[in-house]
């Protein structure tokens, strides 16, 4: 992969990643950490643990953990809102 710097010179990009995690939904995920690959429920719990650890502040961590706990017992409430006001024409 090539990167063009502000000066316009083309250089090779160097990516130093140690882990990659993807949340796939419904208690499944996949992750690669230092060459080790995980998938399924364990990777999902690992992803959530890492996500929670990176959140700033204890209050925010408690709020997210509470939301996740409620989500385990109750399905996500999805609602669509409809705006019934007429649109203004752009001039």
PDB file of N, CA and C in Angstrom:
ATOM      1  N   UNK A   1       0.850  -1.166   0.000  1.00  0.00           N
ATOM      2  CA  UNK A   1       0.000   0.000   0.000  1.00  0.00           C
ATOM      3  C   UNK A   1       0.899   1.232   0.000  1.00  0.00           C
ATOM      4  N   UNK A   2       0.551   2.177  -0.803  1.00  0.00           N
ATOM      5  CA  UNK A   2       1.333   3.397  -0.899  1.00  0.00           C
ATOM      6  C   UNK A   2       0.589   4.553  -0.255  1.00  0.00           C
ATOM      7  N   UNK A   3       1.349   5.458   0.328  1.00  0.00           N
ATOM      8  CA  UNK A   3       0.784   6.641   0.955  1.00  0.00           C
ATOM      9  C   UNK A   3       1.445   7.862   0.348  1.00  0.00           C
ATOM     10  N   UNK A   4       0.652   8.856   0.002  1.00  0.00           N
ATOM     11  CA  UNK A   4       1.188  10.104  -0.508  1.00  0.00           C
ATOM     12  C   UNK A   4       1.174  11.117   0.629  1.00  0.00           C
ATOM     13  N   UNK A   5       2.344  11.600   0.999  1.00  0.00           N
ATOM     14  CA  UNK A   5       2.466  12.564   2.095  1.00  0.00           C
ATOM     15  C   UNK A   5       2.097  13.951   1.602  1.00  0.00           C
ATOM     16  N   UNK A   6       2.075  14.903   2.516  1.00  0.00           N
ATOM     17  CA  UNK A   6       1.729  16.278   2.166  1.00  0.00           C
ATOM     18  C   UNK A   6       2.681  16.837   1.121  1.00  0.00           C
ATOM     19  N   UNK A   7       3.912  16.377   1.120  1.00  0.00           N
ATOM     20  CA  UNK A   7       4.869  16.894   0.148  1.00  0.00           C
ATOM     21  C   UNK A   7       4.635  16.334  -1.244  1.00  0.00           C
ATOM     22  N   UNK A   8       3.785  15.315  -1.351  1.00  0.00           N
ATOM     23  CA  UNK A   8       3.493  14.705  -2.647  1.00  0.00           C
ATOM     24  C   UNK A   8       4.373  13.507  -2.933  1.00  0.00           C
ATOM     25  N   UNK A   9       5.339  13.213  -2.066  1.00  0.00           N
ATOM     26  CA  UNK A   9       6.208  12.059  -2.266  1.00  0.00           C
ATOM     27  C   UNK A   9       5.476  10.776  -1.908  1.00  0.00           C
ATOM     28  N   UNK A  10       5.719   9.728  -2.683  1.00  0.00           N
ATOM     29  CA  UNK A  10       5.040   8.463  -2.449  1.00  0.00           C
ATOM     30  C   UNK A  10       5.933   7.570  -1.597  1.00  0.00           C
ATOM     31  N   UNK A  11       5.354   6.987  -0.542  1.00  0.00           N
ATOM     32  CA  UNK A  11       6.104   6.127   0.369  1.00  0.00           C
ATOM     33  C   UNK A  11       5.312   4.859   0.621  1.00  0.00           C
ATOM     34  N   UNK A  12       6.001   3.821   1.091  1.00  0.00           N
ATOM     35  CA  UNK A  12       5.312   2.605   1.521  1.00  0.00           C
ATOM     36  C   UNK A  12       4.727   2.834   2.899  1.00  0.00           C
ATOM     37  N   UNK A  13       3.497   2.396   3.090  1.00  0.00           N
ATOM     38  CA  UNK A  13       2.852   2.526   4.394  1.00  0.00           C
ATOM     39  C   UNK A  13       3.273   1.364   5.281  1.00  0.00           C
ATOM     40  N   UNK A  14       3.499   1.632   6.537  1.00  0.00           N
ATOM     41  CA  UNK A  14       3.863   0.598   7.506  1.00  0.00           C
ATOM     42  C   UNK A  14       2.759   0.540   8.548  1.00  0.00           C
ATOM     43  N   UNK A  15       2.111  -0.601   8.662  1.00  0.00           N
ATOM     44  CA  UNK A  15       1.025  -0.784   9.618  1.00  0.00           C
ATOM     45  C   UNK A  15       1.505  -1.745  10.690  1.00  0.00           C
ATOM     46  N   UNK A  16       1.453  -1.303  11.933  1.00  0.00           N
ATOM     47  CA  UNK A  16       1.860  -2.142  13.048  1.00  0.00           C
ATOM     48  C   UNK A  16       0.628  -2.421  13.899  1.00  0.00           C
ATOM     49  N   UNK A  17      -0.085  -3.475  13.591  1.00  0.00           N
ATOM     50  CA  UNK A  17      -1.280  -3.813  14.350  1.00  0.00           C
ATOM     51  C   UNK A  17      -1.005  -5.056  15.182  1.00  0.00           C
ATOM     52  N   UNK A  18      -1.543  -5.054  16.371  1.00  0.00           N
ATOM     53  CA  UNK A  18      -1.357  -6.196  17.249  1.00  0.00           C
ATOM     54  C   UNK A  18      -2.630  -7.018  17.381  1.00  0.00           C
ATOM     55  N   UNK A  19      -3.782  -6.380  17.156  1.00  0.00           N
ATOM     56  CA  UNK A  19      -5.013  -7.141  17.255  1.00  0.00           C
ATOM     57  C   UNK A  19      -6.088  -6.537  16.360  1.00  0.00           C
ATOM     58  N   UNK A  20      -6.979  -7.402  15.924  1.00  0.00           N
ATOM     59  CA  UNK A  20      -8.132  -7.005  15.132  1.00  0.00           C
ATOM     60  C   UNK A  20      -9.323  -7.762  15.697  1.00  0.00           C
ATOM     61  N   UNK A  21     -10.422  -7.046  15.916  1.00  0.00           N
ATOM     62  CA  UNK A  21     -11.634  -7.692  16.424  1.00  0.00           C
ATOM     63  C   UNK A  21     -12.837  -7.146  15.669  1.00  0.00           C
ATOM     64  N   UNK A  22     -13.760  -8.031  15.302  1.00  0.00           N
ATOM     65  CA  UNK A  22     -14.967  -7.638  14.579  1.00  0.00           C
ATOM     66  C   UNK A  22     -16.187  -8.229  15.257  1.00  0.00           C
ATOM     67  N   UNK A  23     -17.130  -7.376  15.568  1.00  0.00           N
ATOM     68  CA  UNK A  23     -18.389  -7.807  16.160  1.00  0.00           C
ATOM     69  C   UNK A  23     -19.340  -8.158  15.030  1.00  0.00           C
ATOM     70  N   UNK A  24     -19.816  -9.387  14.986  1.00  0.00           N
ATOM     71  CA  UNK A  24     -20.670  -9.849  13.897  1.00  0.00           C
ATOM     72  C   UNK A  24     -22.144  -9.836  14.260  1.00  0.00           C
ATOM     73  N   UNK A  25     -22.455  -9.587  15.510  1.00  0.00           N
ATOM     74  CA  UNK A  25     -23.847  -9.539  15.943  1.00  0.00           C
ATOM     75  C   UNK A  25     -24.312 -10.850  16.551  1.00  0.00           C
ATOM     76  N   UNK A  26     -25.370 -10.745  17.356  1.00  0.00           N
ATOM     77  CA  UNK A  26     -26.009 -11.882  18.035  1.00  0.00           C
ATOM     78  C   UNK A  26     -24.997 -12.815  18.692  1.00  0.00           C
ATOM     79  N   UNK A  27     -24.191 -12.245  19.561  1.00  0.00           N
ATOM     80  CA  UNK A  27     -23.238 -12.978  20.398  1.00  0.00           C
ATOM     81  C   UNK A  27     -22.183 -13.728  19.601  1.00  0.00           C
ATOM     82  N   UNK A  28     -21.793 -13.203  18.463  1.00  0.00           N
ATOM     83  CA  UNK A  28     -20.705 -13.797  17.692  1.00  0.00           C
ATOM     84  C   UNK A  28     -19.735 -12.700  17.254  1.00  0.00           C
ATOM     85  N   UNK A  29     -18.482 -13.091  17.153  1.00  0.00           N
ATOM     86  CA  UNK A  29     -17.442 -12.166  16.712  1.00  0.00           C
ATOM     87  C   UNK A  29     -16.266 -12.988  16.212  1.00  0.00           C
ATOM     88  N   UNK A  30     -15.325 -12.305  15.614  1.00  0.00           N
ATOM     89  CA  UNK A  30     -14.066 -12.943  15.242  1.00  0.00           C
ATOM     90  C   UNK A  30     -12.945 -11.992  15.636  1.00  0.00           C
ATOM     91  N   UNK A  31     -11.808 -12.555  16.011  1.00  0.00           N
ATOM     92  CA  UNK A  31     -10.694 -11.729  16.470  1.00  0.00           C
ATOM     93  C   UNK A  31      -9.378 -12.402  16.144  1.00  0.00           C
ATOM     94  N   UNK A  32      -8.361 -11.585  15.942  1.00  0.00           N
ATOM     95  CA  UNK A  32      -7.001 -12.074  15.793  1.00  0.00           C
ATOM     96  C   UNK A  32      -6.121 -11.217  16.688  1.00  0.00           C
ATOM     97  N   UNK A  33      -5.502 -11.851  17.671  1.00  0.00           N
ATOM     98  CA  UNK A  33      -4.662 -11.148  18.636  1.00  0.00           C
ATOM     99  C   UNK A  33      -3.288 -11.792  18.637  1.00  0.00           C
ATOM    100  N   UNK A  34      -2.294 -11.022  18.200  1.00  0.00           N
ATOM    101  CA  UNK A  34      -0.904 -11.484  18.125  1.00  0.00           C
ATOM    102  C   UNK A  34      -0.790 -12.831  17.414  1.00  0.00           C
ATOM    103  N   UNK A  35      -1.509 -12.976  16.312  1.00  0.00           N
ATOM    104  CA  UNK A  35      -1.427 -14.187  15.506  1.00  0.00           C
ATOM    105  C   UNK A  35      -2.380 -15.296  15.911  1.00  0.00           C
ATOM    106  N   UNK A  36      -3.023 -15.177  17.060  1.00  0.00           N
ATOM    107  CA  UNK A  36      -3.984 -16.189  17.515  1.00  0.00           C
ATOM    108  C   UNK A  36      -5.380 -15.784  17.054  1.00  0.00           C
ATOM    109  N   UNK A  37      -6.110 -16.712  16.464  1.00  0.00           N
ATOM    110  CA  UNK A  37      -7.441 -16.419  15.945  1.00  0.00           C
ATOM    111  C   UNK A  37      -8.515 -17.032  16.838  1.00  0.00           C
ATOM    112  N   UNK A  38      -9.566 -16.231  17.078  1.00  0.00           N
ATOM    113  CA  UNK A  38     -10.692 -16.662  17.895  1.00  0.00           C
ATOM    114  C   UNK A  38     -11.974 -16.358  17.137  1.00  0.00           C
ATOM    115  N   UNK A  39     -13.013 -17.126  17.415  1.00  0.00           N
ATOM    116  CA  UNK A  39     -14.316 -16.833  16.813  1.00  0.00           C
ATOM    117  C   UNK A  39     -15.410 -17.359  17.730  1.00  0.00           C
ATOM    118  N   UNK A  40     -16.632 -16.891  17.460  1.00  0.00           N
ATOM    119  CA  UNK A  40     -17.781 -17.351  18.223  1.00  0.00           C
ATOM    120  C   UNK A  40     -18.016 -16.563  19.497  1.00  0.00           C
ATOM    121  N   UNK A  41     -18.584 -17.238  20.483  1.00  0.00           N
ATOM    122  CA  UNK A  41     -18.961 -16.603  21.738  1.00  0.00           C
ATOM    123  C   UNK A  41     -17.743 -16.077  22.506  1.00  0.00           C
ATOM    124  N   UNK A  42     -16.656 -16.844  22.514  1.00  0.00           N
ATOM    125  CA  UNK A  42     -15.456 -16.406  23.226  1.00  0.00           C
ATOM    126  C   UNK A  42     -14.914 -15.108  22.625  1.00  0.00           C
ATOM    127  N   UNK A  43     -14.859 -15.017  21.306  1.00  0.00           N
ATOM    128  CA  UNK A  43     -14.374 -13.793  20.653  1.00  0.00           C
ATOM    129  C   UNK A  43     -15.320 -12.630  20.925  1.00  0.00           C
ATOM    130  N   UNK A  44     -16.615 -12.893  20.994  1.00  0.00           N
ATOM    131  CA  UNK A  44     -17.599 -11.847  21.301  1.00  0.00           C
ATOM    132  C   UNK A  44     -17.373 -11.293  22.702  1.00  0.00           C
ATOM    133  N   UNK A  45     -17.159 -12.197  23.685  1.00  0.00           N
ATOM    134  CA  UNK A  45     -16.896 -11.757  25.059  1.00  0.00           C
ATOM    135  C   UNK A  45     -15.561 -11.022  25.134  1.00  0.00           C
ATOM    136  N   UNK A  46     -14.571 -11.471  24.390  1.00  0.00           N
ATOM    137  CA  UNK A  46     -13.278 -10.814  24.336  1.00  0.00           C
ATOM    138  C   UNK A  46     -13.406  -9.416  23.737  1.00  0.00           C
ATOM    139  N   UNK A  47     -14.178  -9.285  22.660  1.00  0.00           N
ATOM    140  CA  UNK A  47     -14.393  -7.989  22.012  1.00  0.00           C
ATOM    141  C   UNK A  47     -15.060  -7.016  22.980  1.00  0.00           C
ATOM    142  N   UNK A  48     -16.065  -7.491  23.684  1.00  0.00           N
ATOM    143  CA  UNK A  48     -16.758  -6.612  24.635  1.00  0.00           C
ATOM    144  C   UNK A  48     -15.854  -6.224  25.802  1.00  0.00           C
ATOM    145  N   UNK A  49     -15.023  -7.121  26.256  1.00  0.00           N
ATOM    146  CA  UNK A  49     -14.092  -6.819  27.348  1.00  0.00           C
ATOM    147  C   UNK A  49     -13.091  -5.755  26.918  1.00  0.00           C
ATOM    148  N   UNK A  50     -12.543  -5.898  25.719  1.00  0.00           N
ATOM    149  CA  UNK A  50     -11.590  -4.912  25.208  1.00  0.00           C
ATOM    150  C   UNK A  50     -12.283  -3.567  25.013  1.00  0.00           C
ATOM    151  N   UNK A  51     -13.488  -3.586  24.449  1.00  0.00           N
ATOM    152  CA  UNK A  51     -14.245  -2.351  24.227  1.00  0.00           C
ATOM    153  C   UNK A  51     -14.495  -1.631  25.554  1.00  0.00           C
ATOM    154  N   UNK A  52     -14.924  -2.385  26.555  1.00  0.00           N
ATOM    155  CA  UNK A  52     -15.208  -1.812  27.869  1.00  0.00           C
ATOM    156  C   UNK A  52     -13.938  -1.261  28.514  1.00  0.00           C
ATOM    157  N   UNK A  53     -12.823  -1.961  28.350  1.00  0.00           N
ATOM    158  CA  UNK A  53     -11.562  -1.518  28.946  1.00  0.00           C
ATOM    159  C   UNK A  53     -11.076  -0.209  28.326  1.00  0.00           C
ATOM    160  N   UNK A  54     -11.389   0.016  27.063  1.00  0.00           N
ATOM    161  CA  UNK A  54     -10.912   1.224  26.380  1.00  0.00           C
ATOM    162  C   UNK A  54     -11.813   2.436  26.588  1.00  0.00           C
ATOM    163  N   UNK A  55     -12.997   2.238  27.155  1.00  0.00           N
ATOM    164  CA  UNK A  55     -13.884   3.369  27.413  1.00  0.00           C
ATOM    165  C   UNK A  55     -13.312   4.249  28.528  1.00  0.00           C
ATOM    166  N   UNK A  56     -13.366   5.565  28.364  1.00  0.00           N
ATOM    167  CA  UNK A  56     -12.869   6.447  29.428  1.00  0.00           C
ATOM    168  C   UNK A  56     -13.921   6.647  30.521  1.00  0.00           C
ATOM    169  N   UNK A  57     -13.502   6.646  31.744  1.00  0.00           N
ATOM    170  CA  UNK A  57     -14.380   6.967  32.869  1.00  0.00           C
ATOM    171  C   UNK A  57     -15.198   5.801  33.382  1.00  0.00           C
ATOM    172  N   UNK A  58     -15.290   5.721  34.684  1.00  0.00           N
ATOM    173  CA  UNK A  58     -16.038   4.645  35.333  1.00  0.00           C
ATOM    174  C   UNK A  58     -17.538   4.770  35.087  1.00  0.00           C
ATOM    175  N   UNK A  59     -18.060   5.998  35.058  1.00  0.00           N
ATOM    176  CA  UNK A  59     -19.488   6.203  34.847  1.00  0.00           C
ATOM    177  C   UNK A  59     -19.924   5.698  33.480  1.00  0.00           C
ATOM    178  N   UNK A  60     -19.136   5.987  32.451  1.00  0.00           N
ATOM    179  CA  UNK A  60     -19.464   5.537  31.103  1.00  0.00           C
ATOM    180  C   UNK A  60     -19.374   4.015  30.989  1.00  0.00           C
ATOM    181  N   UNK A  61     -18.368   3.430  31.631  1.00  0.00           N
ATOM    182  CA  UNK A  61     -18.226   1.967  31.621  1.00  0.00           C
ATOM    183  C   UNK A  61     -19.423   1.306  32.289  1.00  0.00           C
ATOM    184  N   UNK A  62     -19.869   1.871  33.427  1.00  0.00           N
ATOM    185  CA  UNK A  62     -21.025   1.320  34.134  1.00  0.00           C
ATOM    186  C   UNK A  62     -22.290   1.447  33.288  1.00  0.00           C
ATOM    187  N   UNK A  63     -22.445   2.559  32.587  1.00  0.00           N
ATOM    188  CA  UNK A  63     -23.622   2.774  31.742  1.00  0.00           C
ATOM    189  C   UNK A  63     -23.663   1.754  30.597  1.00  0.00           C
ATOM    190  N   UNK A  64     -22.540   1.552  29.923  1.00  0.00           N
ATOM    191  CA  UNK A  64     -22.479   0.598  28.813  1.00  0.00           C
ATOM    192  C   UNK A  64     -22.685  -0.822  29.316  1.00  0.00           C
ATOM    193  N   UNK A  65     -22.070  -1.167  30.433  1.00  0.00           N
ATOM    194  CA  UNK A  65     -22.237  -2.511  30.998  1.00  0.00           C
ATOM    195  C   UNK A  65     -23.691  -2.761  31.394  1.00  0.00           C
ATOM    196  N   UNK A  66     -24.356  -1.746  31.940  1.00  0.00           N
ATOM    197  CA  UNK A  66     -25.785  -1.875  32.265  1.00  0.00           C
ATOM    198  C   UNK A  66     -26.634  -2.069  31.019  1.00  0.00           C
ATOM    199  N   UNK A  67     -26.334  -1.312  29.955  1.00  0.00           N
ATOM    200  CA  UNK A  67     -27.058  -1.481  28.689  1.00  0.00           C
ATOM    201  C   UNK A  67     -26.869  -2.876  28.128  1.00  0.00           C
ATOM    202  N   UNK A  68     -25.643  -3.374  28.179  1.00  0.00           N
ATOM    203  CA  UNK A  68     -25.371  -4.711  27.658  1.00  0.00           C
ATOM    204  C   UNK A  68     -26.094  -5.782  28.477  1.00  0.00           C
ATOM    205  N   UNK A  69     -26.161  -5.591  29.798  1.00  0.00           N
ATOM    206  CA  UNK A  69     -26.843  -6.565  30.657  1.00  0.00           C
ATOM    207  C   UNK A  69     -28.334  -6.596  30.340  1.00  0.00           C
ATOM    208  N   UNK A  70     -28.951  -5.437  30.181  1.00  0.00           N
ATOM    209  CA  UNK A  70     -30.371  -5.377  29.825  1.00  0.00           C
ATOM    210  C   UNK A  70     -30.612  -6.014  28.461  1.00  0.00           C
ATOM    211  N   UNK A  71     -29.693  -5.781  27.534  1.00  0.00           N
ATOM    212  CA  UNK A  71     -29.828  -6.326  26.179  1.00  0.00           C
ATOM    213  C   UNK A  71     -29.774  -7.853  26.159  1.00  0.00           C
ATOM    214  N   UNK A  72     -29.131  -8.460  27.148  1.00  0.00           N
ATOM    215  CA  UNK A  72     -29.085  -9.928  27.217  1.00  0.00           C
ATOM    216  C   UNK A  72     -30.463 -10.527  27.486  1.00  0.00           C
ATOM    217  N   UNK A  73     -31.290  -9.805  28.238  1.00  0.00           N
ATOM    218  CA  UNK A  73     -32.583 -10.339  28.644  1.00  0.00           C
ATOM    219  C   UNK A  73     -33.749  -9.837  27.808  1.00  0.00           C
ATOM    220  N   UNK A  74     -33.607  -8.679  27.196  1.00  0.00           N
ATOM    221  CA  UNK A  74     -34.686  -8.106  26.391  1.00  0.00           C
ATOM    222  C   UNK A  74     -34.189  -7.828  24.989  1.00  0.00           C
ATOM    223  N   UNK A  75     -34.994  -8.114  23.984  1.00  0.00           N
ATOM    224  CA  UNK A  75     -34.552  -7.842  22.611  1.00  0.00           C
ATOM    225  C   UNK A  75     -34.453  -6.345  22.363  1.00  0.00           C
ATOM    226  N   UNK A  76     -33.668  -5.995  21.380  1.00  0.00           N
ATOM    227  CA  UNK A  76     -33.476  -4.589  21.021  1.00  0.00           C
ATOM    228  C   UNK A  76     -34.790  -4.017  20.508  1.00  0.00           C
ATOM    229  N   UNK A  77     -35.133  -2.839  20.981  1.00  0.00           N
ATOM    230  CA  UNK A  77     -36.360  -2.172  20.570  1.00  0.00           C
ATOM    231  C   UNK A  77     -36.041  -1.262  19.390  1.00  0.00           C
ATOM    232  N   UNK A  78     -36.511  -1.650  18.233  1.00  0.00           N
ATOM    233  CA  UNK A  78     -36.242  -0.876  17.032  1.00  0.00           C
ATOM    234  C   UNK A  78     -37.529  -0.186  16.615  1.00  0.00           C
ATOM    235  N   UNK A  79     -37.475   1.111  16.500  1.00  0.00           N
ATOM    236  CA  UNK A  79     -38.638   1.888  16.087  1.00  0.00           C
ATOM    237  C   UNK A  79     -38.223   2.846  14.988  1.00  0.00           C
ATOM    238  N   UNK A  80     -39.115   3.032  14.031  1.00  0.00           N
ATOM    239  CA  UNK A  80     -38.840   3.971  12.951  1.00  0.00           C
ATOM    240  C   UNK A  80     -39.723   5.189  13.155  1.00  0.00           C
ATOM    241  N   UNK A  81     -39.103   6.345  13.105  1.00  0.00           N
ATOM    242  CA  UNK A  81     -39.887   7.569  13.234  1.00  0.00           C
ATOM    243  C   UNK A  81     -40.119   8.147  11.849  1.00  0.00           C
ATOM    244  N   UNK A  82     -41.286   8.708  11.667  1.00  0.00           N
ATOM    245  CA  UNK A  82     -41.657   9.285  10.380  1.00  0.00           C
ATOM    246  C   UNK A  82     -41.917  10.770  10.581  1.00  0.00           C
ATOM    247  N   UNK A  83     -41.297  11.575   9.775  1.00  0.00           N
ATOM    248  CA  UNK A  83     -41.497  13.012   9.829  1.00  0.00           C
ATOM    249  C   UNK A  83     -42.628  13.370   8.869  1.00  0.00           C
ATOM    250  N   UNK A  84     -43.757  13.838   9.394  1.00  0.00           N
ATOM    251  CA  UNK A  84     -44.926  14.121   8.583  1.00  0.00           C
ATOM    252  C   UNK A  84     -44.995  15.560   8.127  1.00  0.00           C
ATOM    253  N   UNK A  85     -44.020  16.374   8.501  1.00  0.00           N
ATOM    254  CA  UNK A  85     -44.051  17.766   8.051  1.00  0.00           C
ATOM    255  C   UNK A  85     -43.598  17.824   6.584  1.00  0.00           C
ATOM    256  N   UNK A  86     -44.257  18.690   5.798  1.00  0.00           N
ATOM    257  CA  UNK A  86     -43.885  18.765   4.380  1.00  0.00           C
ATOM    258  C   UNK A  86     -42.475  19.340   4.217  1.00  0.00           C
ATOM    259  N   UNK A  87     -41.773  18.835   3.245  1.00  0.00           N
ATOM    260  CA  UNK A  87     -40.415  19.314   2.965  1.00  0.00           C
ATOM    261  C   UNK A  87     -40.472  20.628   2.233  1.00  0.00           C
ATOM    262  N   UNK A  88     -39.530  21.488   2.567  1.00  0.00           N
ATOM    263  CA  UNK A  88     -39.417  22.744   1.846  1.00  0.00           C
ATOM    264  C   UNK A  88     -38.644  22.517   0.562  1.00  0.00           C
ATOM    265  N   UNK A  89     -39.058  23.195  -0.479  1.00  0.00           N
ATOM    266  CA  UNK A  89     -38.358  23.080  -1.748  1.00  0.00           C
ATOM    267  C   UNK A  89     -37.079  23.887  -1.687  1.00  0.00           C
ATOM    268  N   UNK A  90     -36.022  23.305  -2.214  1.00  0.00           N
ATOM    269  CA  UNK A  90     -34.753  24.010  -2.271  1.00  0.00           C
ATOM    270  C   UNK A  90     -34.748  24.927  -3.473  1.00  0.00           C
ATOM    271  N   UNK A  91     -34.205  26.108  -3.274  1.00  0.00           N
ATOM    272  CA  UNK A  91     -34.157  27.063  -4.394  1.00  0.00           C
ATOM    273  C   UNK A  91     -32.763  27.194  -4.933  1.00  0.00           C
TER     274      UNK A  91
END
